[in-house]
Amino acid sequence: MTSREQLIQELAEVPDELVKVMLDFLHRVQTTRSHHPLAKFAGILSDDEAVDLHKAIQTDCRQVDLNEW
């Protein structure tokens, strides 16, 4: 089952109030992605690449060498 099919199946089982909340959220995300200057970069990394990048940032960034100055 695809994610789309699973979402449709689950939405069919929830109260209308929750469906409205989800629809509002979807519209906000779509609007943000289409107008944000960095939106063209969304989704360009694979999950593995994102994990590698995250690890590199945690390892190499936010490190302060007090003796460097």
PDB file of N, CA and C in Angstrom:
ATOM      1  N   MET A   1       0.843  -1.182   0.000  1.00  0.00           N
ATOM      2  CA  MET A   1       0.000   0.000   0.000  1.00  0.00           C
ATOM      3  C   MET A   1       0.886   1.241   0.000  1.00  0.00           C
ATOM      4  N   THR A   2       0.587   2.183  -0.867  1.00  0.00           N
ATOM      5  CA  THR A   2       1.374   3.409  -0.935  1.00  0.00           C
ATOM      6  C   THR A   2       1.003   4.323   0.229  1.00  0.00           C
ATOM      7  N   SER A   3       1.836   5.309   0.471  1.00  0.00           N
ATOM      8  CA  SER A   3       1.553   6.292   1.520  1.00  0.00           C
ATOM      9  C   SER A   3       0.257   7.030   1.228  1.00  0.00           C
ATOM     10  N   ARG A   4       0.031   7.352  -0.031  1.00  0.00           N
ATOM     11  CA  ARG A   4      -1.196   8.051  -0.427  1.00  0.00           C
ATOM     12  C   ARG A   4      -2.426   7.202  -0.111  1.00  0.00           C
ATOM     13  N   GLU A   5      -2.350   5.921  -0.452  1.00  0.00           N
ATOM     14  CA  GLU A   5      -3.473   5.020  -0.187  1.00  0.00           C
ATOM     15  C   GLU A   5      -3.719   4.863   1.317  1.00  0.00           C
ATOM     16  N   GLN A   6      -2.623   4.775   2.078  1.00  0.00           N
ATOM     17  CA  GLN A   6      -2.753   4.646   3.523  1.00  0.00           C
ATOM     18  C   GLN A   6      -3.374   5.902   4.128  1.00  0.00           C
ATOM     19  N   LEU A   7      -2.945   7.062   3.657  1.00  0.00           N
ATOM     20  CA  LEU A   7      -3.508   8.323   4.146  1.00  0.00           C
ATOM     21  C   LEU A   7      -4.995   8.410   3.849  1.00  0.00           C
ATOM     22  N   ILE A   8      -5.381   8.064   2.631  1.00  0.00           N
ATOM     23  CA  ILE A   8      -6.795   8.110   2.252  1.00  0.00           C
ATOM     24  C   ILE A   8      -7.605   7.145   3.108  1.00  0.00           C
ATOM     25  N   GLN A   9      -7.075   5.972   3.338  1.00  0.00           N
ATOM     26  CA  GLN A   9      -7.777   4.991   4.160  1.00  0.00           C
ATOM     27  C   GLN A   9      -7.949   5.496   5.595  1.00  0.00           C
ATOM     28  N   GLU A  10      -6.892   6.056   6.152  1.00  0.00           N
ATOM     29  CA  GLU A  10      -6.976   6.544   7.531  1.00  0.00           C
ATOM     30  C   GLU A  10      -7.873   7.766   7.649  1.00  0.00           C
ATOM     31  N   LEU A  11      -7.839   8.653   6.643  1.00  0.00           N
ATOM     32  CA  LEU A  11      -8.714   9.826   6.675  1.00  0.00           C
ATOM     33  C   LEU A  11     -10.189   9.444   6.609  1.00  0.00           C
ATOM     34  N   ALA A  12     -10.474   8.334   5.950  1.00  0.00           N
ATOM     35  CA  ALA A  12     -11.859   7.878   5.850  1.00  0.00           C
ATOM     36  C   ALA A  12     -12.413   7.448   7.206  1.00  0.00           C
ATOM     37  N   GLU A  13     -11.529   7.182   8.162  1.00  0.00           N
ATOM     38  CA  GLU A  13     -11.944   6.659   9.459  1.00  0.00           C
ATOM     39  C   GLU A  13     -11.924   7.693  10.587  1.00  0.00           C
ATOM     40  N   VAL A  14     -11.463   8.905  10.329  1.00  0.00           N
ATOM     41  CA  VAL A  14     -11.358   9.904  11.407  1.00  0.00           C
ATOM     42  C   VAL A  14     -12.526  10.891  11.331  1.00  0.00           C
ATOM     43  N   PRO A  15     -12.785  11.597  12.432  1.00  0.00           N
ATOM     44  CA  PRO A  15     -13.874  12.579  12.443  1.00  0.00           C
ATOM     45  C   PRO A  15     -13.625  13.722  11.457  1.00  0.00           C
ATOM     46  N   ASP A  16     -14.707  14.340  11.007  1.00  0.00           N
ATOM     47  CA  ASP A  16     -14.612  15.433  10.038  1.00  0.00           C
ATOM     48  C   ASP A  16     -13.765  16.594  10.549  1.00  0.00           C
ATOM     49  N   GLU A  17     -13.780  16.836  11.854  1.00  0.00           N
ATOM     50  CA  GLU A  17     -12.981  17.939  12.413  1.00  0.00           C
ATOM     51  C   GLU A  17     -11.488  17.712  12.164  1.00  0.00           C
ATOM     52  N   LEU A  18     -11.054  16.470  12.322  1.00  0.00           N
ATOM     53  CA  LEU A  18      -9.650  16.146  12.077  1.00  0.00           C
ATOM     54  C   LEU A  18      -9.309  16.236  10.596  1.00  0.00           C
ATOM     55  N   VAL A  19     -10.226  15.836   9.751  1.00  0.00           N
ATOM     56  CA  VAL A  19     -10.017  15.961   8.299  1.00  0.00           C
ATOM     57  C   VAL A  19      -9.823  17.425   7.941  1.00  0.00           C
ATOM     58  N   LYS A  20     -10.613  18.317   8.533  1.00  0.00           N
ATOM     59  CA  LYS A  20     -10.486  19.754   8.264  1.00  0.00           C
ATOM     60  C   LYS A  20      -9.115  20.264   8.711  1.00  0.00           C
ATOM     61  N   VAL A  21      -8.663  19.833   9.882  1.00  0.00           N
ATOM     62  CA  VAL A  21      -7.341  20.239  10.382  1.00  0.00           C
ATOM     63  C   VAL A  21      -6.250  19.773   9.429  1.00  0.00           C
ATOM     64  N   MET A  22      -6.348  18.528   8.982  1.00  0.00           N
ATOM     65  CA  MET A  22      -5.350  17.991   8.059  1.00  0.00           C
ATOM     66  C   MET A  22      -5.363  18.720   6.725  1.00  0.00           C
ATOM     67  N   LEU A  23      -6.539  19.051   6.231  1.00  0.00           N
ATOM     68  CA  LEU A  23      -6.658  19.779   4.974  1.00  0.00           C
ATOM     69  C   LEU A  23      -6.061  21.176   5.097  1.00  0.00           C
ATOM     70  N   ASP A  24      -6.328  21.853   6.200  1.00  0.00           N
ATOM     71  CA  ASP A  24      -5.737  23.176   6.436  1.00  0.00           C
ATOM     72  C   ASP A  24      -4.215  23.087   6.484  1.00  0.00           C
ATOM     73  N   PHE A  25      -3.709  22.058   7.168  1.00  0.00           N
ATOM     74  CA  PHE A  25      -2.265  21.858   7.247  1.00  0.00           C
ATOM     75  C   PHE A  25      -1.669  21.631   5.861  1.00  0.00           C
ATOM     76  N   LEU A  26      -2.305  20.789   5.067  1.00  0.00           N
ATOM     77  CA  LEU A  26      -1.827  20.512   3.719  1.00  0.00           C
ATOM     78  C   LEU A  26      -1.773  21.782   2.879  1.00  0.00           C
ATOM     79  N   HIS A  27      -2.784  22.617   2.983  1.00  0.00           N
ATOM     80  CA  HIS A  27      -2.803  23.864   2.217  1.00  0.00           C
ATOM     81  C   HIS A  27      -1.679  24.805   2.661  1.00  0.00           C
ATOM     82  N   ARG A  28      -1.421  24.869   3.965  1.00  0.00           N
ATOM     83  CA  ARG A  28      -0.327  25.723   4.450  1.00  0.00           C
ATOM     84  C   ARG A  28       1.021  25.227   3.941  1.00  0.00           C
ATOM     85  N   VAL A  29       1.220  23.918   3.964  1.00  0.00           N
ATOM     86  CA  VAL A  29       2.494  23.349   3.486  1.00  0.00           C
ATOM     87  C   VAL A  29       2.665  23.614   1.998  1.00  0.00           C
ATOM     88  N   GLN A  30       1.617  23.415   1.229  1.00  0.00           N
ATOM     89  CA  GLN A  30       1.698  23.642  -0.212  1.00  0.00           C
ATOM     90  C   GLN A  30       2.015  25.101  -0.519  1.00  0.00           C
ATOM     91  N   THR A  31       1.389  26.013   0.197  1.00  0.00           N
ATOM     92  CA  THR A  31       1.634  27.445  -0.018  1.00  0.00           C
ATOM     93  C   THR A  31       3.066  27.805   0.344  1.00  0.00           C
ATOM     94  N   THR A  32       3.544  27.299   1.472  1.00  0.00           N
ATOM     95  CA  THR A  32       4.910  27.601   1.915  1.00  0.00           C
ATOM     96  C   THR A  32       5.930  27.059   0.932  1.00  0.00           C
ATOM     97  N   ARG A  33       5.730  25.822   0.492  1.00  0.00           N
ATOM     98  CA  ARG A  33       6.692  25.201  -0.431  1.00  0.00           C
ATOM     99  C   ARG A  33       6.732  25.916  -1.770  1.00  0.00           C
ATOM    100  N   SER A  34       5.612  26.447  -2.226  1.00  0.00           N
ATOM    101  CA  SER A  34       5.600  27.064  -3.547  1.00  0.00           C
ATOM    102  C   SER A  34       6.139  28.496  -3.525  1.00  0.00           C
ATOM    103  N   HIS A  35       6.177  29.126  -2.354  1.00  0.00           N
ATOM    104  CA  HIS A  35       6.610  30.521  -2.285  1.00  0.00           C
ATOM    105  C   HIS A  35       7.933  30.727  -1.556  1.00  0.00           C
ATOM    106  N   HIS A  36       8.404  29.750  -0.859  1.00  0.00           N
ATOM    107  CA  HIS A  36       9.635  29.912  -0.096  1.00  0.00           C
ATOM    108  C   HIS A  36      10.836  29.836  -1.042  1.00  0.00           C
ATOM    109  N   PRO A  37      11.818  30.727  -0.869  1.00  0.00           N
ATOM    110  CA  PRO A  37      12.961  30.742  -1.788  1.00  0.00           C
ATOM    111  C   PRO A  37      13.800  29.457  -1.757  1.00  0.00           C
ATOM    112  N   LEU A  38      13.738  28.704  -0.679  1.00  0.00           N
ATOM    113  CA  LEU A  38      14.503  27.463  -0.601  1.00  0.00           C
ATOM    114  C   LEU A  38      13.675  26.232  -0.983  1.00  0.00           C
ATOM    115  N   ALA A  39      12.430  26.442  -1.374  1.00  0.00           N
ATOM    116  CA  ALA A  39      11.521  25.329  -1.667  1.00  0.00           C
ATOM    117  C   ALA A  39      12.051  24.428  -2.780  1.00  0.00           C
ATOM    118  N   LYS A  40      12.792  24.992  -3.718  1.00  0.00           N
ATOM    119  CA  LYS A  40      13.287  24.175  -4.828  1.00  0.00           C
ATOM    120  C   LYS A  40      14.289  23.113  -4.364  1.00  0.00           C
ATOM    121  N   PHE A  41      14.800  23.274  -3.144  1.00  0.00           N
ATOM    122  CA  PHE A  41      15.760  22.307  -2.625  1.00  0.00           C
ATOM    123  C   PHE A  41      15.107  21.222  -1.763  1.00  0.00           C
ATOM    124  N   ALA A  42      13.843  21.355  -1.478  1.00  0.00           N
ATOM    125  CA  ALA A  42      13.145  20.379  -0.630  1.00  0.00           C
ATOM    126  C   ALA A  42      13.109  19.023  -1.305  1.00  0.00           C
ATOM    127  N   GLY A  43      13.532  18.016  -0.562  1.00  0.00           N
ATOM    128  CA  GLY A  43      13.453  16.649  -1.053  1.00  0.00           C
ATOM    129  C   GLY A  43      14.563  16.214  -1.979  1.00  0.00           C
ATOM    130  N   ILE A  44      15.634  17.001  -2.102  1.00  0.00           N
ATOM    131  CA  ILE A  44      16.687  16.613  -3.041  1.00  0.00           C
ATOM    132  C   ILE A  44      17.662  15.600  -2.451  1.00  0.00           C
ATOM    133  N   LEU A  45      17.664  15.447  -1.126  1.00  0.00           N
ATOM    134  CA  LEU A  45      18.546  14.478  -0.491  1.00  0.00           C
ATOM    135  C   LEU A  45      17.801  13.176  -0.242  1.00  0.00           C
ATOM    136  N   SER A  46      18.507  12.082  -0.414  1.00  0.00           N
ATOM    137  CA  SER A  46      17.931  10.800  -0.012  1.00  0.00           C
ATOM    138  C   SER A  46      17.982  10.731   1.515  1.00  0.00           C
ATOM    139  N   ASP A  47      17.302   9.764   2.088  1.00  0.00           N
ATOM    140  CA  ASP A  47      17.333   9.609   3.542  1.00  0.00           C
ATOM    141  C   ASP A  47      18.754   9.350   4.034  1.00  0.00           C
ATOM    142  N   ASP A  48      19.489   8.525   3.315  1.00  0.00           N
ATOM    143  CA  ASP A  48      20.873   8.221   3.706  1.00  0.00           C
ATOM    144  C   ASP A  48      21.750   9.468   3.636  1.00  0.00           C
ATOM    145  N   GLU A  49      21.591  10.265   2.579  1.00  0.00           N
ATOM    146  CA  GLU A  49      22.367  11.499   2.453  1.00  0.00           C
ATOM    147  C   GLU A  49      22.024  12.471   3.577  1.00  0.00           C
ATOM    148  N   ALA A  50      20.755  12.543   3.925  1.00  0.00           N
ATOM    149  CA  ALA A  50      20.338  13.444   5.001  1.00  0.00           C
ATOM    150  C   ALA A  50      20.931  13.014   6.338  1.00  0.00           C
ATOM    151  N   VAL A  51      20.959  11.707   6.592  1.00  0.00           N
ATOM    152  CA  VAL A  51      21.553  11.193   7.828  1.00  0.00           C
ATOM    153  C   VAL A  51      23.044  11.503   7.864  1.00  0.00           C
ATOM    154  N   ASP A  52      23.726  11.278   6.750  1.00  0.00           N
ATOM    155  CA  ASP A  52      25.161  11.579   6.674  1.00  0.00           C
ATOM    156  C   ASP A  52      25.431  13.059   6.908  1.00  0.00           C
ATOM    157  N   LEU A  53      24.635  13.914   6.304  1.00  0.00           N
ATOM    158  CA  LEU A  53      24.796  15.355   6.472  1.00  0.00           C
ATOM    159  C   LEU A  53      24.541  15.757   7.917  1.00  0.00           C
ATOM    160  N   HIS A  54      23.503  15.197   8.512  1.00  0.00           N
ATOM    161  CA  HIS A  54      23.177  15.498   9.904  1.00  0.00           C
ATOM    162  C   HIS A  54      24.326  15.096  10.829  1.00  0.00           C
ATOM    163  N   LYS A  55      24.896  13.900  10.597  1.00  0.00           N
ATOM    164  CA  LYS A  55      26.024  13.436  11.412  1.00  0.00           C
ATOM    165  C   LYS A  55      27.240  14.350  11.239  1.00  0.00           C
ATOM    166  N   ALA A  56      27.502  14.766  10.010  1.00  0.00           N
ATOM    167  CA  ALA A  56      28.643  15.645   9.749  1.00  0.00           C
ATOM    168  C   ALA A  56      28.467  16.982  10.461  1.00  0.00           C
ATOM    169  N   ILE A  57      27.272  17.503  10.451  1.00  0.00           N
ATOM    170  CA  ILE A  57      27.011  18.776  11.130  1.00  0.00           C
ATOM    171  C   ILE A  57      27.194  18.619  12.631  1.00  0.00           C
ATOM    172  N   GLN A  58      26.676  17.536  13.197  1.00  0.00           N
ATOM    173  CA  GLN A  58      26.819  17.317  14.632  1.00  0.00           C
ATOM    174  C   GLN A  58      28.274  17.116  15.028  1.00  0.00           C
ATOM    175  N   THR A  59      29.037  16.468  14.175  1.00  0.00           N
ATOM    176  CA  THR A  59      30.427  16.174  14.489  1.00  0.00           C
ATOM    177  C   THR A  59      31.328  17.387  14.292  1.00  0.00           C
ATOM    178  N   ASP A  60      31.160  18.076  13.171  1.00  0.00           N
ATOM    179  CA  ASP A  60      32.111  19.108  12.780  1.00  0.00           C
ATOM    180  C   ASP A  60      31.683  20.529  13.115  1.00  0.00           C
ATOM    181  N   CYS A  61      30.409  20.755  13.298  1.00  0.00           N
ATOM    182  CA  CYS A  61      29.930  22.102  13.582  1.00  0.00           C
ATOM    183  C   CYS A  61      29.665  22.248  15.079  1.00  0.00           C
ATOM    184  N   ARG A  62      29.489  23.464  15.493  1.00  0.00           N
ATOM    185  CA  ARG A  62      29.214  23.787  16.896  1.00  0.00           C
ATOM    186  C   ARG A  62      30.371  23.386  17.803  1.00  0.00           C
ATOM    187  N   GLN A  63      31.533  23.251  17.224  1.00  0.00           N
ATOM    188  CA  GLN A  63      32.721  22.929  17.999  1.00  0.00           C
ATOM    189  C   GLN A  63      33.544  24.203  18.152  1.00  0.00           C
ATOM    190  N   VAL A  64      33.827  24.551  19.370  1.00  0.00           N
ATOM    191  CA  VAL A  64      34.598  25.759  19.633  1.00  0.00           C
ATOM    192  C   VAL A  64      35.944  25.348  20.207  1.00  0.00           C
ATOM    193  N   ASP A  65      37.001  25.786  19.535  1.00  0.00           N
ATOM    194  CA  ASP A  65      38.358  25.542  20.025  1.00  0.00           C
ATOM    195  C   ASP A  65      38.786  26.785  20.786  1.00  0.00           C
ATOM    196  N   LEU A  66      38.760  26.731  22.103  1.00  0.00           N
ATOM    197  CA  LEU A  66      39.077  27.906  22.920  1.00  0.00           C
ATOM    198  C   LEU A  66      40.534  28.357  22.757  1.00  0.00           C
ATOM    199  N   ASN A  67      41.407  27.476  22.306  1.00  0.00           N
ATOM    200  CA  ASN A  67      42.807  27.839  22.118  1.00  0.00           C
ATOM    201  C   ASN A  67      43.086  28.392  20.733  1.00  0.00           C
ATOM    202  N   GLU A  68      42.081  28.392  19.869  1.00  0.00           N
ATOM    203  CA  GLU A  68      42.286  28.863  18.504  1.00  0.00           C
ATOM    204  C   GLU A  68      42.544  30.360  18.447  1.00  0.00           C
ATOM    205  N   TRP A  69      41.952  31.099  19.328  1.00  0.00           N
ATOM    206  CA  TRP A  69      42.102  32.559  19.300  1.00  0.00           C
ATOM    207  C   TRP A  69      43.372  32.903  19.970  1.00  0.00           C
TER     208      TRP A  69
END
